Amino acid sequence: MIEQHFLNHVFKATEFTKDELEAIIPKFKQVKFNKNDFLLHEGQTASKYWFVQSGFVRSYVVDIEGNDISTNFYSVGDIVIDWSSFFLRNPTRENIQALSECVCWQLDFDTFQQLFHNIKSFREQGRTTLVSNYFALKNHNISMIADEAKDRYLRLLKQKPHIVQNISLKQIATYLGITDTSLSRIRKEIAIK
């Protein structure tokens, strides 16, 4: 039933008509991932994206020394996508992996294109989401250069406390550009204050 569907939290009735929601929501397919399942492997071209209904997902790259470095974390309500691979149709450099059991809603590229070109509200929401994600990525990149590690951690803790509570310290540390030992020290300093 459309009225009670999880995707109504993503596609708000204030931005979409009932007819638009009835055209959009049935196009998504519910998929489940087990912990450690890959949604996307490095070298593949992204042909799908997902909205997370439950669980946690991480994207990461493998550096030149063979270490995996977290590039993002996703949880309830987030869109899991490699933007450039999906839109530019090129192989991804990232891996996207479930960190827990997950329930997601999946849309394939061709269906996305159909909705994008035929439903203005869908197109506008897509543009808004893309711009928002660009700014978040830009801010993270600048923060990695201009901010102390402690400040990066405090910002993550404030903006996404559920990530800090549910993701391993090692994975969070790589996202923050520090070692897990340094992150443990920062956490102890904060706890003392």
Protein backbone atom coordinates (compact mmCIF):
# COMPACT_ATOMS: atom_id res chain seq x y z
CA MET A 1 0.00 0.00 0.00
CA ILE A 2 1.46 3.36 -1.09
CA GLU A 3 0.20 5.31 1.95
CA GLN A 4 2.29 3.29 4.43
CA HIS A 5 5.30 2.53 2.27
CA PHE A 6 8.82 3.27 3.57
CA LEU A 7 9.57 5.29 0.43
CA ASN A 8 6.94 7.83 1.47
CA HIS A 9 9.61 9.05 3.91
CA VAL A 10 11.91 9.59 0.94
CA PHE A 11 9.35 10.95 -1.50
CA LYS A 12 7.31 13.30 0.66
CA ALA A 13 3.67 13.91 -0.20
CA THR A 14 4.30 17.65 0.07
CA GLU A 15 6.64 17.44 -2.94
CA PHE A 16 4.86 14.76 -4.99
CA THR A 17 1.26 14.27 -6.02
CA LYS A 18 -0.54 11.04 -5.18
CA ASP A 19 -0.41 10.06 -8.87
CA GLU A 20 3.35 10.69 -8.98
CA LEU A 21 3.90 8.57 -5.87
CA GLU A 22 1.82 5.79 -7.40
CA ALA A 23 4.02 5.97 -10.51
CA ILE A 24 7.33 6.11 -8.62
CA ILE A 25 7.11 3.84 -5.59
CA PRO A 26 6.12 0.59 -7.37
CA LYS A 27 9.23 0.94 -9.59
CA PHE A 28 11.48 0.26 -6.60
CA LYS A 29 12.28 -3.31 -5.62
CA GLN A 30 12.90 -4.34 -2.02
CA VAL A 31 16.22 -6.16 -1.63
CA LYS A 32 17.94 -7.59 1.43
CA PHE A 33 21.65 -7.80 2.02
CA ASN A 34 23.45 -9.88 4.60
CA LYS A 35 26.33 -8.50 6.62
CA ASN A 36 29.44 -8.22 4.38
CA ASP A 37 27.47 -8.55 1.11
CA PHE A 38 28.70 -6.23 -1.62
CA LEU A 39 26.25 -3.89 -3.29
CA LEU A 40 28.97 -2.81 -5.72
CA HIS A 41 32.56 -3.93 -6.39
CA GLU A 42 35.44 -1.79 -7.60
CA GLY A 43 35.63 -2.04 -11.40
CA GLN A 44 31.88 -2.53 -11.91
CA THR A 45 29.67 0.14 -13.44
CA ALA A 46 26.86 1.12 -11.09
CA SER A 47 23.55 0.13 -12.64
CA LYS A 48 21.44 0.47 -9.48
CA TYR A 49 21.08 2.62 -6.42
CA TRP A 50 19.40 1.98 -3.09
CA PHE A 51 17.54 3.73 -0.29
CA VAL A 52 18.38 2.18 3.06
CA GLN A 53 15.33 1.15 5.10
CA SER A 54 17.34 -0.60 7.82
CA GLY A 55 20.96 -1.41 8.52
CA PHE A 56 24.33 0.15 7.76
CA VAL A 57 26.38 0.31 4.57
CA ARG A 58 29.89 1.58 3.91
CA SER A 59 31.73 2.68 0.80
CA TYR A 60 35.50 2.38 0.70
CA VAL A 61 38.53 2.38 -1.58
CA VAL A 62 41.71 0.37 -1.33
CA ASP A 63 44.79 2.60 -1.14
CA ILE A 64 48.14 1.93 -2.82
CA GLU A 65 49.32 0.04 0.26
CA GLY A 66 46.31 -2.30 0.26
CA ASN A 67 44.44 -0.67 3.15
CA ASP A 68 40.72 -0.10 2.85
CA ILE A 69 39.76 3.50 3.53
CA SER A 70 36.14 4.39 4.30
CA THR A 71 34.71 7.07 2.03
CA ASN A 72 31.17 7.19 3.39
CA PHE A 73 28.63 5.54 5.67
CA TYR A 74 24.92 5.08 4.97
CA SER A 75 21.99 4.31 7.24
CA VAL A 76 18.21 4.60 7.35
CA GLY A 77 16.86 6.98 4.71
CA ASP A 78 20.19 7.49 2.94
CA ILE A 79 20.69 6.92 -0.76
CA VAL A 80 23.54 4.50 -1.49
CA ILE A 81 25.06 5.35 -4.84
CA ASP A 82 28.35 5.95 -6.61
CA TRP A 83 27.21 9.10 -8.35
CA SER A 84 29.88 9.30 -11.05
CA SER A 85 29.69 5.61 -11.96
CA PHE A 86 25.89 5.66 -12.09
CA PHE A 87 25.53 8.84 -14.16
CA LEU A 88 28.70 8.79 -16.27
CA ARG A 89 28.45 5.01 -16.85
CA ASN A 90 32.09 4.38 -15.93
CA PRO A 91 33.66 1.73 -13.67
CA THR A 92 33.67 2.63 -9.99
CA ARG A 93 36.81 2.88 -7.88
CA GLU A 94 34.83 2.23 -4.72
CA ASN A 95 33.46 -0.86 -3.05
CA ILE A 96 30.08 -0.60 -1.34
CA GLN A 97 29.43 -3.20 1.36
CA ALA A 98 26.72 -3.96 3.92
CA LEU A 99 28.04 -3.63 7.48
CA SER A 100 24.95 -5.33 8.91
CA GLU A 101 21.86 -7.03 7.60
CA CYS A 102 20.12 -4.42 5.46
CA VAL A 103 16.79 -3.86 3.83
CA CYS A 104 17.02 -1.50 0.87
CA TRP A 105 14.82 -0.25 -1.95
CA GLN A 106 16.53 -0.57 -5.31
CA LEU A 107 16.04 1.29 -8.57
CA ASP A 108 17.87 0.40 -11.78
CA PHE A 109 19.43 2.90 -14.17
CA ASP A 110 16.90 2.51 -17.01
CA THR A 111 13.92 2.94 -14.69
CA PHE A 112 15.63 5.93 -13.08
CA GLN A 113 16.05 7.50 -16.54
CA GLN A 114 12.38 6.92 -17.34
CA LEU A 115 11.23 8.53 -14.08
CA PHE A 116 13.77 11.35 -14.36
CA HIS A 117 12.59 12.36 -17.83
CA ASN A 118 8.86 11.92 -17.21
CA ILE A 119 8.25 13.22 -13.68
CA LYS A 120 9.43 16.75 -12.97
CA SER A 121 9.22 16.35 -9.16
CA PHE A 122 11.39 13.22 -9.34
CA ARG A 123 13.92 15.11 -11.47
CA GLU A 124 13.99 18.07 -9.08
CA GLN A 125 14.41 15.87 -6.02
CA GLY A 126 17.23 14.04 -7.79
CA ARG A 127 19.02 17.30 -8.54
CA THR A 128 18.59 18.50 -4.97
CA THR A 129 19.95 15.22 -3.61
CA LEU A 130 22.93 15.30 -5.98
CA VAL A 131 23.80 18.88 -5.01
CA SER A 132 23.41 18.12 -1.31
CA ASN A 133 25.73 15.11 -1.61
CA TYR A 134 28.27 17.16 -3.57
CA PHE A 135 28.38 19.78 -0.81
CA ALA A 136 28.74 17.11 1.89
CA LEU A 137 31.65 15.56 -0.03
CA LYS A 138 33.26 18.96 -0.60
CA ASN A 139 32.94 19.85 3.09
CA HIS A 140 34.44 16.49 4.12
CA ASN A 141 37.39 16.99 1.74
CA ILE A 142 38.09 20.47 3.07
CA SER A 143 37.74 19.28 6.65
CA MET A 144 40.35 16.57 6.01
CA ILE A 145 42.82 19.31 5.11
CA ALA A 146 41.81 22.22 7.33
CA ASP A 147 40.45 20.71 10.57
CA GLU A 148 41.99 18.88 13.49
CA ALA A 149 41.12 15.18 13.75
CA LYS A 150 39.31 15.83 17.02
CA ASP A 151 37.07 18.42 15.32
CA ARG A 152 36.31 16.01 12.47
CA TYR A 153 35.30 13.36 14.99
CA LEU A 154 33.14 15.78 17.01
CA ARG A 155 31.37 16.87 13.80
CA LEU A 156 30.68 13.24 12.85
CA LEU A 157 29.46 12.55 16.37
CA LYS A 158 27.09 15.53 16.21
CA GLN A 159 25.82 14.95 12.66
CA LYS A 160 25.65 11.15 12.64
CA PRO A 161 25.73 9.76 16.21
CA HIS A 162 24.13 6.51 15.00
CA ILE A 163 27.18 5.89 12.78
CA VAL A 164 29.60 6.37 15.68
CA GLN A 165 27.51 4.02 17.83
CA ASN A 166 27.22 1.23 15.25
CA ILE A 167 30.33 1.23 13.07
CA SER A 168 33.75 -0.13 14.01
CA LEU A 169 36.32 2.37 15.28
CA LYS A 170 38.80 1.22 12.64
CA GLN A 171 36.37 2.04 9.81
CA ILE A 172 35.48 5.39 11.36
CA ALA A 173 39.17 6.20 11.85
CA THR A 174 39.94 5.63 8.15
CA TYR A 175 37.02 7.90 7.22
CA LEU A 176 38.49 10.59 9.48
CA GLY A 177 41.98 10.08 8.05
CA ILE A 178 43.54 8.88 11.32
CA THR A 179 44.60 5.63 12.95
CA ASP A 180 42.26 3.74 15.26
CA THR A 181 44.78 4.36 18.06
CA SER A 182 44.49 8.11 17.51
CA LEU A 183 40.72 7.84 17.46
CA SER A 184 40.75 5.92 20.77
CA ARG A 185 42.89 8.68 22.29
CA ILE A 186 40.52 11.39 21.02
CA ARG A 187 37.52 9.52 22.43
CA LYS A 188 39.23 9.22 25.83
CA GLU A 189 40.02 12.95 25.85
CA ILE A 190 36.40 13.79 25.09
CA ALA A 191 35.12 11.37 27.76
CA ILE A 192 37.32 13.02 30.42
CA LYS A 193 35.90 16.49 29.68
